[in-house]
Amino acid sequence: MSRFTTMTTRERKMQAAAICREVHAQDEFSMDLGKKMSVPKDIMLEELSLASNRGSRLFKLRQRRSEKYTFENVHNQTNMQLNVRRTLHLIHKENTVRHRYMLVT
């Protein structure tokens, strides 16, 4: 049998209020945890390079995806620049031919 069944409603409310006061009193108390340690970037990157850590495996997958996108993006920009140059070159040739044709006639 539960201990709450023997308590009256008033007693349960008083117990709940006491628990609430206790919780709120703990909120006001702050524990001094000391100075936060700073972890050097080298150590963090070393831990991310371990294959045994799930977080490091996910980090590596994310790096590969970002590198793939970066390389694809660089190739696309290079191709786009080459296409623009070819187009400008062709337009220049056409204009030169038209200009010569106009001079001849």
N, C-alpha and C. Protein backbone atom coordinates (compact mmCIF):
# COMPACT_ATOMS: atom_id res chain seq x y z
N MET A 1 0.83 -1.17 0.00
CA MET A 1 0.00 0.00 0.00
C MET A 1 0.89 1.25 0.00
N SER A 2 0.52 2.24 -0.78
CA SER A 2 1.30 3.45 -0.91
C SER A 2 1.19 4.31 0.34
N ARG A 3 2.23 5.04 0.64
CA ARG A 3 2.20 5.88 1.83
C ARG A 3 1.32 7.11 1.63
N PHE A 4 1.05 7.45 0.35
CA PHE A 4 0.21 8.61 0.09
C PHE A 4 -1.26 8.34 0.38
N THR A 5 -1.65 7.11 0.36
CA THR A 5 -3.06 6.81 0.62
C THR A 5 -3.43 7.06 2.07
N THR A 6 -2.46 6.99 2.97
CA THR A 6 -2.76 7.24 4.38
C THR A 6 -2.70 8.72 4.72
N MET A 7 -2.15 9.55 3.81
CA MET A 7 -2.03 10.98 4.08
C MET A 7 -3.28 11.70 3.64
N THR A 8 -3.64 12.73 4.36
CA THR A 8 -4.79 13.54 3.97
C THR A 8 -4.36 14.48 2.86
N THR A 9 -5.33 15.11 2.25
CA THR A 9 -5.04 16.05 1.17
C THR A 9 -4.19 17.20 1.68
N ARG A 10 -4.50 17.68 2.86
CA ARG A 10 -3.75 18.79 3.46
C ARG A 10 -2.29 18.38 3.68
N GLU A 11 -2.06 17.19 4.16
CA GLU A 11 -0.70 16.72 4.41
C GLU A 11 0.09 16.58 3.11
N ARG A 12 -0.59 16.09 2.06
CA ARG A 12 0.08 15.96 0.76
C ARG A 12 0.46 17.33 0.21
N LYS A 13 -0.45 18.31 0.35
CA LYS A 13 -0.15 19.66 -0.12
C LYS A 13 1.02 20.25 0.65
N MET A 14 1.05 20.02 1.95
CA MET A 14 2.14 20.54 2.77
C MET A 14 3.47 19.89 2.37
N GLN A 15 3.42 18.59 2.09
CA GLN A 15 4.64 17.89 1.68
C GLN A 15 5.12 18.42 0.33
N ALA A 16 4.19 18.64 -0.61
CA ALA A 16 4.56 19.18 -1.92
C ALA A 16 5.15 20.57 -1.77
N ALA A 17 4.57 21.39 -0.89
CA ALA A 17 5.10 22.74 -0.67
C ALA A 17 6.50 22.69 -0.08
N ALA A 18 6.73 21.74 0.84
CA ALA A 18 8.06 21.60 1.44
C ALA A 18 9.09 21.19 0.40
N ILE A 19 8.70 20.30 -0.49
CA ILE A 19 9.61 19.86 -1.56
C ILE A 19 9.92 21.04 -2.48
N CYS A 20 8.89 21.83 -2.81
CA CYS A 20 9.11 23.00 -3.67
C CYS A 20 10.05 24.00 -3.02
N ARG A 21 9.86 24.25 -1.72
CA ARG A 21 10.75 25.18 -1.01
C ARG A 21 12.19 24.66 -1.04
N GLU A 22 12.33 23.37 -0.86
CA GLU A 22 13.67 22.77 -0.87
C GLU A 22 14.34 22.92 -2.23
N VAL A 23 13.56 22.70 -3.28
CA VAL A 23 14.11 22.82 -4.64
C VAL A 23 14.49 24.27 -4.92
N HIS A 24 13.62 25.21 -4.55
CA HIS A 24 13.92 26.62 -4.80
C HIS A 24 15.10 27.09 -3.97
N ALA A 25 15.26 26.58 -2.80
CA ALA A 25 16.41 26.94 -1.97
C ALA A 25 17.70 26.45 -2.62
N GLN A 26 17.65 25.30 -3.28
CA GLN A 26 18.84 24.78 -3.95
C GLN A 26 19.18 25.62 -5.17
N ASP A 27 18.16 26.22 -5.81
CA ASP A 27 18.41 27.08 -6.96
C ASP A 27 19.23 28.30 -6.56
N GLU A 28 18.95 28.83 -5.37
CA GLU A 28 19.66 30.02 -4.91
C GLU A 28 21.10 29.71 -4.54
N PHE A 29 21.35 28.50 -4.10
CA PHE A 29 22.70 28.09 -3.74
C PHE A 29 23.49 27.81 -5.01
N SER A 30 24.65 28.43 -5.13
CA SER A 30 25.47 28.16 -6.31
C SER A 30 26.80 27.57 -5.87
N MET A 31 27.19 26.57 -6.58
CA MET A 31 28.43 25.88 -6.26
C MET A 31 29.57 26.50 -7.05
N ASP A 32 30.69 26.73 -6.41
CA ASP A 32 31.85 27.28 -7.08
C ASP A 32 32.59 26.13 -7.76
N LEU A 33 32.53 26.11 -9.07
CA LEU A 33 33.17 25.03 -9.83
C LEU A 33 34.59 25.37 -10.23
N GLY A 34 35.05 26.55 -9.91
CA GLY A 34 36.41 26.93 -10.23
C GLY A 34 36.52 27.51 -11.63
N LYS A 35 37.73 27.68 -12.10
CA LYS A 35 37.98 28.26 -13.41
C LYS A 35 37.78 27.21 -14.50
N LYS A 36 37.15 27.63 -15.58
CA LYS A 36 36.95 26.74 -16.70
C LYS A 36 38.30 26.53 -17.41
N MET A 37 38.61 25.28 -17.64
CA MET A 37 39.87 24.98 -18.31
C MET A 37 39.70 25.14 -19.81
N SER A 38 40.69 25.72 -20.44
CA SER A 38 40.64 25.84 -21.89
C SER A 38 41.44 24.69 -22.48
N VAL A 39 40.84 24.05 -23.47
CA VAL A 39 41.48 22.90 -24.11
C VAL A 39 42.12 23.40 -25.40
N PRO A 40 43.41 23.17 -25.58
CA PRO A 40 44.06 23.61 -26.81
C PRO A 40 43.42 22.97 -28.05
N LYS A 41 43.45 23.74 -29.11
CA LYS A 41 42.84 23.28 -30.36
C LYS A 41 43.51 22.01 -30.88
N ASP A 42 44.81 21.90 -30.68
CA ASP A 42 45.54 20.71 -31.15
C ASP A 42 45.00 19.44 -30.51
N ILE A 43 44.71 19.51 -29.21
CA ILE A 43 44.20 18.32 -28.51
C ILE A 43 42.82 17.96 -29.03
N MET A 44 41.98 18.98 -29.25
CA MET A 44 40.64 18.71 -29.77
C MET A 44 40.71 18.07 -31.15
N LEU A 45 41.57 18.61 -32.01
CA LEU A 45 41.70 18.04 -33.36
C LEU A 45 42.29 16.64 -33.32
N GLU A 46 43.19 16.39 -32.37
CA GLU A 46 43.76 15.06 -32.22
C GLU A 46 42.67 14.06 -31.83
N GLU A 47 41.80 14.46 -30.92
CA GLU A 47 40.71 13.56 -30.52
C GLU A 47 39.75 13.33 -31.67
N LEU A 48 39.54 14.34 -32.51
CA LEU A 48 38.65 14.17 -33.64
C LEU A 48 39.27 13.27 -34.71
N SER A 49 40.57 13.07 -34.67
CA SER A 49 41.20 12.20 -35.66
C SER A 49 41.18 10.74 -35.26
N LEU A 50 40.74 10.43 -34.04
CA LEU A 50 40.68 9.03 -33.60
C LEU A 50 39.53 8.31 -34.30
N ALA A 51 39.77 7.10 -34.76
CA ALA A 51 38.73 6.35 -35.47
C ALA A 51 37.77 5.66 -34.50
N SER A 52 38.17 5.53 -33.24
CA SER A 52 37.33 4.80 -32.28
C SER A 52 36.18 5.63 -31.75
N ASN A 53 36.23 6.93 -31.95
CA ASN A 53 35.23 7.83 -31.40
C ASN A 53 34.12 8.07 -32.42
N ARG A 54 32.87 7.89 -32.02
CA ARG A 54 31.75 8.08 -32.95
C ARG A 54 31.68 9.53 -33.43
N GLY A 55 31.92 10.45 -32.51
CA GLY A 55 31.91 11.86 -32.87
C GLY A 55 32.96 12.20 -33.91
N SER A 56 34.13 11.58 -33.79
CA SER A 56 35.19 11.86 -34.77
C SER A 56 34.85 11.26 -36.13
N ARG A 57 34.19 10.11 -36.13
CA ARG A 57 33.77 9.53 -37.42
C ARG A 57 32.75 10.44 -38.11
N LEU A 58 31.79 10.96 -37.34
CA LEU A 58 30.81 11.88 -37.92
C LEU A 58 31.49 13.16 -38.41
N PHE A 59 32.48 13.63 -37.65
CA PHE A 59 33.22 14.83 -38.03
C PHE A 59 33.93 14.61 -39.37
N LYS A 60 34.56 13.43 -39.52
CA LYS A 60 35.27 13.12 -40.77
C LYS A 60 34.30 13.06 -41.95
N LEU A 61 33.13 12.43 -41.73
CA LEU A 61 32.14 12.36 -42.81
C LEU A 61 31.69 13.77 -43.21
N ARG A 62 31.48 14.62 -42.23
CA ARG A 62 31.06 15.99 -42.51
C ARG A 62 32.16 16.74 -43.25
N GLN A 63 33.42 16.50 -42.88
CA GLN A 63 34.54 17.13 -43.57
C GLN A 63 34.60 16.70 -45.03
N ARG A 64 34.43 15.38 -45.26
CA ARG A 64 34.47 14.88 -46.64
C ARG A 64 33.37 15.50 -47.48
N ARG A 65 32.16 15.59 -46.90
CA ARG A 65 31.06 16.20 -47.65
C ARG A 65 31.37 17.66 -47.99
N SER A 66 31.90 18.39 -47.02
CA SER A 66 32.19 19.80 -47.28
C SER A 66 33.32 19.95 -48.29
N GLU A 67 34.34 19.08 -48.22
CA GLU A 67 35.42 19.14 -49.20
C GLU A 67 34.91 18.81 -50.59
N LYS A 68 34.04 17.81 -50.67
CA LYS A 68 33.47 17.43 -51.96
C LYS A 68 32.71 18.61 -52.56
N TYR A 69 31.91 19.26 -51.73
CA TYR A 69 31.16 20.42 -52.21
C TYR A 69 32.12 21.53 -52.64
N THR A 70 33.15 21.75 -51.85
CA THR A 70 34.10 22.82 -52.16
C THR A 70 34.81 22.54 -53.48
N PHE A 71 35.28 21.29 -53.67
CA PHE A 71 35.96 20.95 -54.91
C PHE A 71 35.01 21.04 -56.10
N GLU A 72 33.77 20.55 -55.91
CA GLU A 72 32.79 20.63 -56.99
C GLU A 72 32.51 22.09 -57.33
N ASN A 73 32.39 22.91 -56.31
CA ASN A 73 32.09 24.31 -56.51
C ASN A 73 33.24 25.00 -57.25
N VAL A 74 34.48 24.67 -56.89
CA VAL A 74 35.65 25.26 -57.56
C VAL A 74 35.68 24.83 -59.01
N HIS A 75 35.41 23.54 -59.28
CA HIS A 75 35.39 23.05 -60.66
C HIS A 75 34.29 23.74 -61.45
N ASN A 76 33.12 23.89 -60.85
CA ASN A 76 32.02 24.54 -61.55
C ASN A 76 32.36 25.99 -61.86
N GLN A 77 32.98 26.69 -60.93
CA GLN A 77 33.36 28.08 -61.18
C GLN A 77 34.41 28.17 -62.27
N THR A 78 35.36 27.24 -62.26
CA THR A 78 36.40 27.23 -63.29
C THR A 78 35.79 26.97 -64.66
N ASN A 79 34.89 25.99 -64.73
CA ASN A 79 34.22 25.70 -66.00
C ASN A 79 33.39 26.89 -66.47
N MET A 80 32.73 27.54 -65.52
CA MET A 80 31.91 28.69 -65.88
C MET A 80 32.79 29.81 -66.43
N GLN A 81 33.94 30.05 -65.81
CA GLN A 81 34.85 31.09 -66.29
C GLN A 81 35.38 30.75 -67.68
N LEU A 82 35.70 29.46 -67.91
CA LEU A 82 36.17 29.05 -69.23
C LEU A 82 35.08 29.25 -70.27
N ASN A 83 33.85 28.91 -69.92
CA ASN A 83 32.74 29.09 -70.85
C ASN A 83 32.52 30.56 -71.17
N VAL A 84 32.64 31.40 -70.17
CA VAL A 84 32.47 32.84 -70.40
C VAL A 84 33.57 33.35 -71.32
N ARG A 85 34.80 32.91 -71.09
CA ARG A 85 35.91 33.33 -71.95
C ARG A 85 35.70 32.88 -73.39
N ARG A 86 35.26 31.61 -73.55
CA ARG A 86 35.00 31.10 -74.91
C ARG A 86 33.90 31.91 -75.59
N THR A 87 32.86 32.20 -74.83
CA THR A 87 31.75 32.96 -75.39
C THR A 87 32.21 34.35 -75.80
N LEU A 88 32.97 35.00 -74.93
CA LEU A 88 33.48 36.33 -75.27
C LEU A 88 34.40 36.28 -76.48
N HIS A 89 35.21 35.23 -76.55
CA HIS A 89 36.11 35.07 -77.70
C HIS A 89 35.31 34.89 -78.99
N LEU A 90 34.27 34.06 -78.94
CA LEU A 90 33.43 33.84 -80.12
C LEU A 90 32.71 35.13 -80.53
N ILE A 91 32.21 35.85 -79.55
CA ILE A 91 31.53 37.12 -79.85
C ILE A 91 32.51 38.10 -80.48
N HIS A 92 33.71 38.14 -79.96
CA HIS A 92 34.73 39.03 -80.52
C HIS A 92 35.05 38.64 -81.97
N LYS A 93 35.15 37.33 -82.22
CA LYS A 93 35.41 36.86 -83.59
C LYS A 93 34.27 37.27 -84.52
N GLU A 94 33.04 37.07 -84.07
CA GLU A 94 31.88 37.44 -84.89
C GLU A 94 31.89 38.92 -85.20
N ASN A 95 32.16 39.73 -84.20
CA ASN A 95 32.18 41.17 -84.41
C ASN A 95 33.30 41.57 -85.38
N THR A 96 34.43 40.89 -85.28
CA THR A 96 35.54 41.18 -86.19
C THR A 96 35.15 40.82 -87.62
N VAL A 97 34.53 39.66 -87.79
CA VAL A 97 34.10 39.23 -89.12
C VAL A 97 33.06 40.19 -89.67
N ARG A 98 32.09 40.60 -88.87
CA ARG A 98 31.06 41.55 -89.32
C ARG A 98 31.69 42.88 -89.70
N HIS A 99 32.63 43.32 -88.89
CA HIS A 99 33.28 44.59 -89.17
C HIS A 99 34.03 44.53 -90.49
N ARG A 100 34.75 43.43 -90.73
CA ARG A 100 35.47 43.25 -92.00
C ARG A 100 34.49 43.19 -93.17
N TYR A 101 33.37 42.48 -92.95
CA TYR A 101 32.37 42.36 -94.01
C TYR A 101 31.81 43.74 -94.35
N MET A 102 31.58 44.54 -93.33
CA MET A 102 31.03 45.88 -93.55
C MET A 102 32.04 46.76 -94.27
N LEU A 103 33.32 46.56 -94.00
CA LEU A 103 34.34 47.36 -94.67
C LEU A 103 34.46 46.98 -96.14
N VAL A 104 34.28 45.69 -96.42
CA VAL A 104 34.41 45.21 -97.79
C VAL A 104 33.24 45.69 -98.63
N THR A 105 32.04 45.71 -98.08
CA THR A 105 30.88 46.09 -98.89
C THR A 105 30.57 47.54 -98.85
